Amino acid sequence: MNKQELVDQIADGASISKKDAEAALSSLLESVKSAVSRGEKVTIPGFGAWSRTDRQARVGRNPRTGEPVQIAASKGVKFTAGANFKSAVN
């Protein structure tokens, strides 16, 4: 499913226009992105939670040459599915 198909389903399920559904979805995604980038955890009970992870700098290896390569520290995003989501998938 792509974003437009999701917008269509939201519009049908909530009986709102596609324009309003797209605005609501965009607002949700921006809110989650903004909160996680600030280091906050975003939780939707029954669905899941997003959180920021910090990766330390480390030494990797070039698979072609075998030479050590320095990998810089970075931040990532972790999503943990909620119990209802997991049970729906299984």
PDB file of N, CA and C in Angstrom:
ATOM      1  N   MET A   1       0.847  -1.174   0.000  1.00  0.00           N
ATOM      2  CA  MET A   1       0.000   0.000   0.000  1.00  0.00           C
ATOM      3  C   MET A   1       0.893   1.239   0.000  1.00  0.00           C
ATOM      4  N   ASN A   2       0.580   2.173  -0.858  1.00  0.00           N
ATOM      5  CA  ASN A   2       1.339   3.420  -0.884  1.00  0.00           C
ATOM      6  C   ASN A   2       0.548   4.525  -0.164  1.00  0.00           C
ATOM      7  N   LYS A   3       1.116   5.708  -0.111  1.00  0.00           N
ATOM      8  CA  LYS A   3       0.503   6.805   0.641  1.00  0.00           C
ATOM      9  C   LYS A   3      -0.877   7.164   0.093  1.00  0.00           C
ATOM     10  N   GLN A   4      -1.026   7.207  -1.214  1.00  0.00           N
ATOM     11  CA  GLN A   4      -2.313   7.595  -1.798  1.00  0.00           C
ATOM     12  C   GLN A   4      -3.389   6.562  -1.484  1.00  0.00           C
ATOM     13  N   GLU A   5      -3.051   5.292  -1.519  1.00  0.00           N
ATOM     14  CA  GLU A   5      -4.021   4.253  -1.165  1.00  0.00           C
ATOM     15  C   GLU A   5      -4.419   4.362   0.308  1.00  0.00           C
ATOM     16  N   LEU A   6      -3.455   4.705   1.162  1.00  0.00           N
ATOM     17  CA  LEU A   6      -3.742   4.903   2.580  1.00  0.00           C
ATOM     18  C   LEU A   6      -4.665   6.104   2.774  1.00  0.00           C
ATOM     19  N   VAL A   7      -4.400   7.183   2.060  1.00  0.00           N
ATOM     20  CA  VAL A   7      -5.262   8.365   2.127  1.00  0.00           C
ATOM     21  C   VAL A   7      -6.683   8.002   1.694  1.00  0.00           C
ATOM     22  N   ASP A   8      -6.811   7.224   0.635  1.00  0.00           N
ATOM     23  CA  ASP A   8      -8.136   6.800   0.157  1.00  0.00           C
ATOM     24  C   ASP A   8      -8.878   6.005   1.231  1.00  0.00           C
ATOM     25  N   GLN A   9      -8.173   5.098   1.903  1.00  0.00           N
ATOM     26  CA  GLN A   9      -8.812   4.288   2.941  1.00  0.00           C
ATOM     27  C   GLN A   9      -9.204   5.138   4.152  1.00  0.00           C
ATOM     28  N   ILE A  10      -8.359   6.084   4.518  1.00  0.00           N
ATOM     29  CA  ILE A  10      -8.687   6.978   5.638  1.00  0.00           C
ATOM     30  C   ILE A  10      -9.925   7.801   5.287  1.00  0.00           C
ATOM     31  N   ALA A  11      -9.967   8.327   4.069  1.00  0.00           N
ATOM     32  CA  ALA A  11     -11.107   9.143   3.636  1.00  0.00           C
ATOM     33  C   ALA A  11     -12.399   8.325   3.669  1.00  0.00           C
ATOM     34  N   ASP A  12     -12.348   7.099   3.178  1.00  0.00           N
ATOM     35  CA  ASP A  12     -13.539   6.244   3.171  1.00  0.00           C
ATOM     36  C   ASP A  12     -13.940   5.848   4.588  1.00  0.00           C
ATOM     37  N   GLY A  13     -12.965   5.456   5.404  1.00  0.00           N
ATOM     38  CA  GLY A  13     -13.256   4.992   6.757  1.00  0.00           C
ATOM     39  C   GLY A  13     -13.773   6.083   7.673  1.00  0.00           C
ATOM     40  N   ALA A  14     -13.301   7.307   7.492  1.00  0.00           N
ATOM     41  CA  ALA A  14     -13.701   8.413   8.359  1.00  0.00           C
ATOM     42  C   ALA A  14     -14.779   9.288   7.723  1.00  0.00           C
ATOM     43  N   SER A  15     -15.198   8.951   6.512  1.00  0.00           N
ATOM     44  CA  SER A  15     -16.212   9.727   5.773  1.00  0.00           C
ATOM     45  C   SER A  15     -15.824  11.205   5.678  1.00  0.00           C
ATOM     46  N   ILE A  16     -14.582  11.440   5.255  1.00  0.00           N
ATOM     47  CA  ILE A  16     -14.085  12.797   5.042  1.00  0.00           C
ATOM     48  C   ILE A  16     -13.524  12.882   3.635  1.00  0.00           C
ATOM     49  N   SER A  17     -13.225  14.093   3.199  1.00  0.00           N
ATOM     50  CA  SER A  17     -12.679  14.258   1.852  1.00  0.00           C
ATOM     51  C   SER A  17     -11.239  13.746   1.801  1.00  0.00           C
ATOM     52  N   LYS A  18     -10.807  13.420   0.608  1.00  0.00           N
ATOM     53  CA  LYS A  18      -9.430  12.951   0.432  1.00  0.00           C
ATOM     54  C   LYS A  18      -8.428  14.037   0.807  1.00  0.00           C
ATOM     55  N   LYS A  19      -8.796  15.281   0.552  1.00  0.00           N
ATOM     56  CA  LYS A  19      -7.920  16.401   0.895  1.00  0.00           C
ATOM     57  C   LYS A  19      -7.734  16.476   2.409  1.00  0.00           C
ATOM     58  N   ASP A  20      -8.822  16.330   3.157  1.00  0.00           N
ATOM     59  CA  ASP A  20      -8.746  16.351   4.619  1.00  0.00           C
ATOM     60  C   ASP A  20      -7.984  15.136   5.155  1.00  0.00           C
ATOM     61  N   ALA A  21      -8.201  13.982   4.529  1.00  0.00           N
ATOM     62  CA  ALA A  21      -7.512  12.762   4.951  1.00  0.00           C
ATOM     63  C   ALA A  21      -6.007  12.894   4.725  1.00  0.00           C
ATOM     64  N   GLU A  22      -5.624  13.472   3.594  1.00  0.00           N
ATOM     65  CA  GLU A  22      -4.199  13.659   3.311  1.00  0.00           C
ATOM     66  C   GLU A  22      -3.581  14.653   4.290  1.00  0.00           C
ATOM     67  N   ALA A  23      -4.322  15.715   4.618  1.00  0.00           N
ATOM     68  CA  ALA A  23      -3.824  16.702   5.574  1.00  0.00           C
ATOM     69  C   ALA A  23      -3.645  16.066   6.959  1.00  0.00           C
ATOM     70  N   ALA A  24      -4.594  15.227   7.365  1.00  0.00           N
ATOM     71  CA  ALA A  24      -4.512  14.558   8.665  1.00  0.00           C
ATOM     72  C   ALA A  24      -3.328  13.589   8.710  1.00  0.00           C
ATOM     73  N   LEU A  25      -3.151  12.824   7.656  1.00  0.00           N
ATOM     74  CA  LEU A  25      -2.037  11.874   7.600  1.00  0.00           C
ATOM     75  C   LEU A  25      -0.702  12.606   7.599  1.00  0.00           C
ATOM     76  N   SER A  26      -0.594  13.661   6.809  1.00  0.00           N
ATOM     77  CA  SER A  26       0.647  14.438   6.761  1.00  0.00           C
ATOM     78  C   SER A  26       0.960  15.056   8.121  1.00  0.00           C
ATOM     79  N   SER A  27      -0.064  15.547   8.798  1.00  0.00           N
ATOM     80  CA  SER A  27       0.114  16.129  10.116  1.00  0.00           C
ATOM     81  C   SER A  27       0.590  15.083  11.122  1.00  0.00           C
ATOM     82  N   LEU A  28       0.010  13.897  11.076  1.00  0.00           N
ATOM     83  CA  LEU A  28       0.428  12.807  11.960  1.00  0.00           C
ATOM     84  C   LEU A  28       1.891  12.451  11.718  1.00  0.00           C
ATOM     85  N   LEU A  29       2.245  12.268  10.465  1.00  0.00           N
ATOM     86  CA  LEU A  29       3.623  11.877  10.133  1.00  0.00           C
ATOM     87  C   LEU A  29       4.623  12.954  10.544  1.00  0.00           C
ATOM     88  N   GLU A  30       4.283  14.224  10.322  1.00  0.00           N
ATOM     89  CA  GLU A  30       5.168  15.317  10.719  1.00  0.00           C
ATOM     90  C   GLU A  30       5.319  15.384  12.232  1.00  0.00           C
ATOM     91  N   SER A  31       4.224  15.168  12.947  1.00  0.00           N
ATOM     92  CA  SER A  31       4.265  15.195  14.410  1.00  0.00           C
ATOM     93  C   SER A  31       5.150  14.084  14.956  1.00  0.00           C
ATOM     94  N   VAL A  32       5.014  12.881  14.403  1.00  0.00           N
ATOM     95  CA  VAL A  32       5.849  11.753  14.839  1.00  0.00           C
ATOM     96  C   VAL A  32       7.313  12.044  14.520  1.00  0.00           C
ATOM     97  N   LYS A  33       7.581  12.507  13.309  1.00  0.00           N
ATOM     98  CA  LYS A  33       8.956  12.801  12.893  1.00  0.00           C
ATOM     99  C   LYS A  33       9.586  13.862  13.787  1.00  0.00           C
ATOM    100  N   SER A  34       8.843  14.905  14.070  1.00  0.00           N
ATOM    101  CA  SER A  34       9.350  15.999  14.890  1.00  0.00           C
ATOM    102  C   SER A  34       9.647  15.534  16.317  1.00  0.00           C
ATOM    103  N   ALA A  35       8.726  14.788  16.907  1.00  0.00           N
ATOM    104  CA  ALA A  35       8.916  14.322  18.285  1.00  0.00           C
ATOM    105  C   ALA A  35      10.088  13.360  18.395  1.00  0.00           C
ATOM    106  N   VAL A  36      10.192  12.422  17.472  1.00  0.00           N
ATOM    107  CA  VAL A  36      11.284  11.440  17.515  1.00  0.00           C
ATOM    108  C   VAL A  36      12.623  12.123  17.273  1.00  0.00           C
ATOM    109  N   SER A  37      12.663  13.111  16.398  1.00  0.00           N
ATOM    110  CA  SER A  37      13.924  13.814  16.141  1.00  0.00           C
ATOM    111  C   SER A  37      14.393  14.592  17.362  1.00  0.00           C
ATOM    112  N   ARG A  38      13.445  15.001  18.237  1.00  0.00           N
ATOM    113  CA  ARG A  38      13.801  15.666  19.491  1.00  0.00           C
ATOM    114  C   ARG A  38      14.187  14.667  20.585  1.00  0.00           C
ATOM    115  N   GLY A  39      14.079  13.380  20.294  1.00  0.00           N
ATOM    116  CA  GLY A  39      14.445  12.359  21.271  1.00  0.00           C
ATOM    117  C   GLY A  39      13.286  11.847  22.100  1.00  0.00           C
ATOM    118  N   GLU A  40      12.076  12.270  21.778  1.00  0.00           N
ATOM    119  CA  GLU A  40      10.896  11.815  22.503  1.00  0.00           C
ATOM    120  C   GLU A  40      10.412  10.484  21.938  1.00  0.00           C
ATOM    121  N   LYS A  41       9.755   9.694  22.784  1.00  0.00           N
ATOM    122  CA  LYS A  41       9.155   8.448  22.343  1.00  0.00           C
ATOM    123  C   LYS A  41       7.696   8.724  22.028  1.00  0.00           C
ATOM    124  N   VAL A  42       7.210   8.245  20.883  1.00  0.00           N
ATOM    125  CA  VAL A  42       5.818   8.425  20.479  1.00  0.00           C
ATOM    126  C   VAL A  42       5.141   7.060  20.550  1.00  0.00           C
ATOM    127  N   THR A  43       4.079   6.975  21.346  1.00  0.00           N
ATOM    128  CA  THR A  43       3.388   5.701  21.540  1.00  0.00           C
ATOM    129  C   THR A  43       1.920   5.832  21.171  1.00  0.00           C
ATOM    130  N   ILE A  44       1.444   4.899  20.368  1.00  0.00           N
ATOM    131  CA  ILE A  44       0.026   4.778  20.057  1.00  0.00           C
ATOM    132  C   ILE A  44      -0.391   3.423  20.604  1.00  0.00           C
ATOM    133  N   PRO A  45      -1.109   3.398  21.743  1.00  0.00           N
ATOM    134  CA  PRO A  45      -1.462   2.128  22.376  1.00  0.00           C
ATOM    135  C   PRO A  45      -2.169   1.172  21.414  1.00  0.00           C
ATOM    136  N   GLY A  46      -1.729  -0.066  21.412  1.00  0.00           N
ATOM    137  CA  GLY A  46      -2.307  -1.075  20.540  1.00  0.00           C
ATOM    138  C   GLY A  46      -1.704  -1.101  19.150  1.00  0.00           C
ATOM    139  N   PHE A  47      -1.030  -0.042  18.755  1.00  0.00           N
ATOM    140  CA  PHE A  47      -0.411   0.014  17.428  1.00  0.00           C
ATOM    141  C   PHE A  47       1.090  -0.144  17.518  1.00  0.00           C
ATOM    142  N   GLY A  48       1.756   0.765  18.250  1.00  0.00           N
ATOM    143  CA  GLY A  48       3.202   0.664  18.364  1.00  0.00           C
ATOM    144  C   GLY A  48       3.825   1.931  18.895  1.00  0.00           C
ATOM    145  N   ALA A  49       5.151   1.928  18.895  1.00  0.00           N
ATOM    146  CA  ALA A  49       5.900   3.066  19.418  1.00  0.00           C
ATOM    147  C   ALA A  49       7.131   3.319  18.568  1.00  0.00           C
ATOM    148  N   TRP A  50       7.444   4.596  18.386  1.00  0.00           N
ATOM    149  CA  TRP A  50       8.650   5.021  17.687  1.00  0.00           C
ATOM    150  C   TRP A  50       9.583   5.646  18.702  1.00  0.00           C
ATOM    151  N   SER A  51      10.861   5.382  18.569  1.00  0.00           N
ATOM    152  CA  SER A  51      11.840   6.011  19.453  1.00  0.00           C
ATOM    153  C   SER A  51      13.141   6.208  18.678  1.00  0.00           C
ATOM    154  N   ARG A  52      13.974   7.105  19.193  1.00  0.00           N
ATOM    155  CA  ARG A  52      15.261   7.383  18.558  1.00  0.00           C
ATOM    156  C   ARG A  52      16.323   6.507  19.207  1.00  0.00           C
ATOM    157  N   THR A  53      17.219   6.003  18.402  1.00  0.00           N
ATOM    158  CA  THR A  53      18.340   5.232  18.912  1.00  0.00           C
ATOM    159  C   THR A  53      19.628   5.945  18.543  1.00  0.00           C
ATOM    160  N   ASP A  54      20.620   5.821  19.400  1.00  0.00           N
ATOM    161  CA  ASP A  54      21.930   6.409  19.135  1.00  0.00           C
ATOM    162  C   ASP A  54      22.916   5.288  18.842  1.00  0.00           C
ATOM    163  N   ARG A  55      23.566   5.376  17.700  1.00  0.00           N
ATOM    164  CA  ARG A  55      24.572   4.387  17.322  1.00  0.00           C
ATOM    165  C   ARG A  55      25.948   4.989  17.556  1.00  0.00           C
ATOM    166  N   GLN A  56      26.788   4.241  18.247  1.00  0.00           N
ATOM    167  CA  GLN A  56      28.137   4.724  18.519  1.00  0.00           C
ATOM    168  C   GLN A  56      29.012   4.579  17.279  1.00  0.00           C
ATOM    169  N   ALA A  57      30.073   5.368  17.231  1.00  0.00           N
ATOM    170  CA  ALA A  57      31.052   5.242  16.149  1.00  0.00           C
ATOM    171  C   ALA A  57      31.717   3.881  16.300  1.00  0.00           C
ATOM    172  N   ARG A  58      32.050   3.287  15.174  1.00  0.00           N
ATOM    173  CA  ARG A  58      32.674   1.961  15.231  1.00  0.00           C
ATOM    174  C   ARG A  58      33.546   1.748  14.007  1.00  0.00           C
ATOM    175  N   VAL A  59      34.312   0.699  14.059  1.00  0.00           N
ATOM    176  CA  VAL A  59      35.165   0.345  12.933  1.00  0.00           C
ATOM    177  C   VAL A  59      34.481  -0.785  12.179  1.00  0.00           C
ATOM    178  N   GLY A  60      34.250  -0.561  10.893  1.00  0.00           N
ATOM    179  CA  GLY A  60      33.678  -1.583  10.024  1.00  0.00           C
ATOM    180  C   GLY A  60      34.766  -2.132   9.117  1.00  0.00           C
ATOM    181  N   ARG A  61      34.366  -2.940   8.170  1.00  0.00           N
ATOM    182  CA  ARG A  61      35.333  -3.522   7.261  1.00  0.00           C
ATOM    183  C   ARG A  61      34.788  -3.436   5.839  1.00  0.00           C
ATOM    184  N   ASN A  62      35.624  -2.968   4.931  1.00  0.00           N
ATOM    185  CA  ASN A  62      35.253  -2.913   3.520  1.00  0.00           C
ATOM    186  C   ASN A  62      35.170  -4.351   3.023  1.00  0.00           C
ATOM    187  N   PRO A  63      34.018  -4.821   2.550  1.00  0.00           N
ATOM    188  CA  PRO A  63      33.890  -6.219   2.150  1.00  0.00           C
ATOM    189  C   PRO A  63      34.724  -6.589   0.925  1.00  0.00           C
ATOM    190  N   ARG A  64      35.041  -5.611   0.107  1.00  0.00           N
ATOM    191  CA  ARG A  64      35.806  -5.891  -1.100  1.00  0.00           C
ATOM    192  C   ARG A  64      37.294  -6.048  -0.812  1.00  0.00           C
ATOM    193  N   THR A  65      37.823  -5.127   0.006  1.00  0.00           N
ATOM    194  CA  THR A  65      39.266  -5.134   0.244  1.00  0.00           C
ATOM    195  C   THR A  65      39.644  -5.672   1.622  1.00  0.00           C
ATOM    196  N   GLY A  66      38.685  -5.701   2.531  1.00  0.00           N
ATOM    197  CA  GLY A  66      38.980  -6.161   3.879  1.00  0.00           C
ATOM    198  C   GLY A  66      39.606  -5.090   4.760  1.00  0.00           C
ATOM    199  N   GLU A  67      39.779  -3.881   4.234  1.00  0.00           N
ATOM    200  CA  GLU A  67      40.392  -2.799   5.009  1.00  0.00           C
ATOM    201  C   GLU A  67      39.421  -2.262   6.049  1.00  0.00           C
ATOM    202  N   PRO A  68      39.939  -1.880   7.218  1.00  0.00           N
ATOM    203  CA  PRO A  68      39.072  -1.270   8.232  1.00  0.00           C
ATOM    204  C   PRO A  68      38.583   0.111   7.770  1.00  0.00           C
ATOM    205  N   VAL A  69      37.332   0.411   8.080  1.00  0.00           N
ATOM    206  CA  VAL A  69      36.725   1.685   7.706  1.00  0.00           C
ATOM    207  C   VAL A  69      36.057   2.262   8.952  1.00  0.00           C
ATOM    208  N   GLN A  70      36.293   3.549   9.232  1.00  0.00           N
ATOM    209  CA  GLN A  70      35.673   4.200  10.382  1.00  0.00           C
ATOM    210  C   GLN A  70      34.239   4.580  10.029  1.00  0.00           C
ATOM    211  N   ILE A  71      33.286   4.124  10.822  1.00  0.00           N
ATOM    212  CA  ILE A  71      31.875   4.461  10.623  1.00  0.00           C
ATOM    213  C   ILE A  71      31.495   5.460  11.708  1.00  0.00           C
ATOM    214  N   ALA A  72      31.000   6.610  11.301  1.00  0.00           N
ATOM    215  CA  ALA A  72      30.674   7.695  12.228  1.00  0.00           C
ATOM    216  C   ALA A  72      29.454   7.359  13.085  1.00  0.00           C
ATOM    217  N   ALA A  73      29.372   8.000  14.244  1.00  0.00           N
ATOM    218  CA  ALA A  73      28.202   7.857  15.105  1.00  0.00           C
ATOM    219  C   ALA A  73      26.984   8.441  14.379  1.00  0.00           C
ATOM    220  N   SER A  74      25.820   7.867  14.631  1.00  0.00           N
ATOM    221  CA  SER A  74      24.612   8.358  13.974  1.00  0.00           C
ATOM    222  C   SER A  74      23.395   8.074  14.849  1.00  0.00           C
ATOM    223  N   LYS A  75      22.270   8.597  14.420  1.00  0.00           N
ATOM    224  CA  LYS A  75      21.016   8.367  15.106  1.00  0.00           C
ATOM    225  C   LYS A  75      20.099   7.590  14.171  1.00  0.00           C
ATOM    226  N   GLY A  76      19.284   6.733  14.743  1.00  0.00           N
ATOM    227  CA  GLY A  76      18.357   5.940  13.954  1.00  0.00           C
ATOM    228  C   GLY A  76      16.975   5.979  14.582  1.00  0.00           C
ATOM    229  N   VAL A  77      16.022   5.325  13.935  1.00  0.00           N
ATOM    230  CA  VAL A  77      14.655   5.261  14.433  1.00  0.00           C
ATOM    231  C   VAL A  77      14.282   3.801  14.618  1.00  0.00           C
ATOM    232  N   LYS A  78      13.643   3.526  15.745  1.00  0.00           N
ATOM    233  CA  LYS A  78      13.209   2.174  16.062  1.00  0.00           C
ATOM    234  C   LYS A  78      11.692   2.180  16.178  1.00  0.00           C
ATOM    235  N   PHE A  79      11.033   1.200  15.568  1.00  0.00           N
ATOM    236  CA  PHE A  79       9.592   1.029  15.712  1.00  0.00           C
ATOM    237  C   PHE A  79       9.350  -0.299  16.394  1.00  0.00           C
ATOM    238  N   THR A  80       8.552  -0.267  17.455  1.00  0.00           N
ATOM    239  CA  THR A  80       8.181  -1.481  18.161  1.00  0.00           C
ATOM    240  C   THR A  80       6.679  -1.656  18.016  1.00  0.00           C
ATOM    241  N   ALA A  81       6.271  -2.764  17.417  1.00  0.00           N
ATOM    242  CA  ALA A  81       4.848  -3.014  17.211  1.00  0.00           C
ATOM    243  C   ALA A  81       4.163  -3.329  18.528  1.00  0.00           C
ATOM    244  N   GLY A  82       2.930  -2.834  18.686  1.00  0.00           N
ATOM    245  CA  GLY A  82       2.141  -3.096  19.876  1.00  0.00           C
ATOM    246  C   GLY A  82       1.518  -4.480  19.838  1.00  0.00           C
ATOM    247  N   ALA A  83       0.973  -4.916  20.959  1.00  0.00           N
ATOM    248  CA  ALA A  83       0.415  -6.260  21.085  1.00  0.00           C
ATOM    249  C   ALA A  83      -0.736  -6.498  20.104  1.00  0.00           C
ATOM    250  N   ASN A  84      -1.638  -5.531  19.958  1.00  0.00           N
ATOM    251  CA  ASN A  84      -2.763  -5.702  19.028  1.00  0.00           C
ATOM    252  C   ASN A  84      -2.287  -5.810  17.586  1.00  0.00           C
ATOM    253  N   PHE A  85      -1.272  -5.018  17.242  1.00  0.00           N
ATOM    254  CA  PHE A  85      -0.704  -5.051  15.894  1.00  0.00           C
ATOM    255  C   PHE A  85      -0.067  -6.419  15.635  1.00  0.00           C
ATOM    256  N   LYS A  86       0.722  -6.894  16.589  1.00  0.00           N
ATOM    257  CA  LYS A  86       1.373  -8.197  16.448  1.00  0.00           C
ATOM    258  C   LYS A  86       0.350  -9.320  16.284  1.00  0.00           C
ATOM    259  N   SER A  87      -0.690  -9.285  17.098  1.00  0.00           N
ATOM    260  CA  SER A  87      -1.687 -10.361  17.022  1.00  0.00           C
ATOM    261  C   SER A  87      -2.473 -10.292  15.709  1.00  0.00           C
ATOM    262  N   ALA A  88      -2.689  -9.098  15.176  1.00  0.00           N
ATOM    263  CA  ALA A  88      -3.379  -8.969  13.894  1.00  0.00           C
ATOM    264  C   ALA A  88      -2.551  -9.534  12.748  1.00  0.00           C
ATOM    265  N   VAL A  89      -1.229  -9.374  12.858  1.00  0.00           N
ATOM    266  CA  VAL A  89      -0.341  -9.878  11.810  1.00  0.00           C
ATOM    267  C   VAL A  89      -0.226 -11.406  11.883  1.00  0.00           C
ATOM    268  N   ASN A  90      -0.216 -11.917  13.103  1.00  0.00           N
ATOM    269  CA  ASN A  90      -0.107 -13.375  13.292  1.00  0.00           C
ATOM    270  C   ASN A  90      -1.469 -13.973  13.191  1.00  0.00           C
TER     271      ASN A  90
END
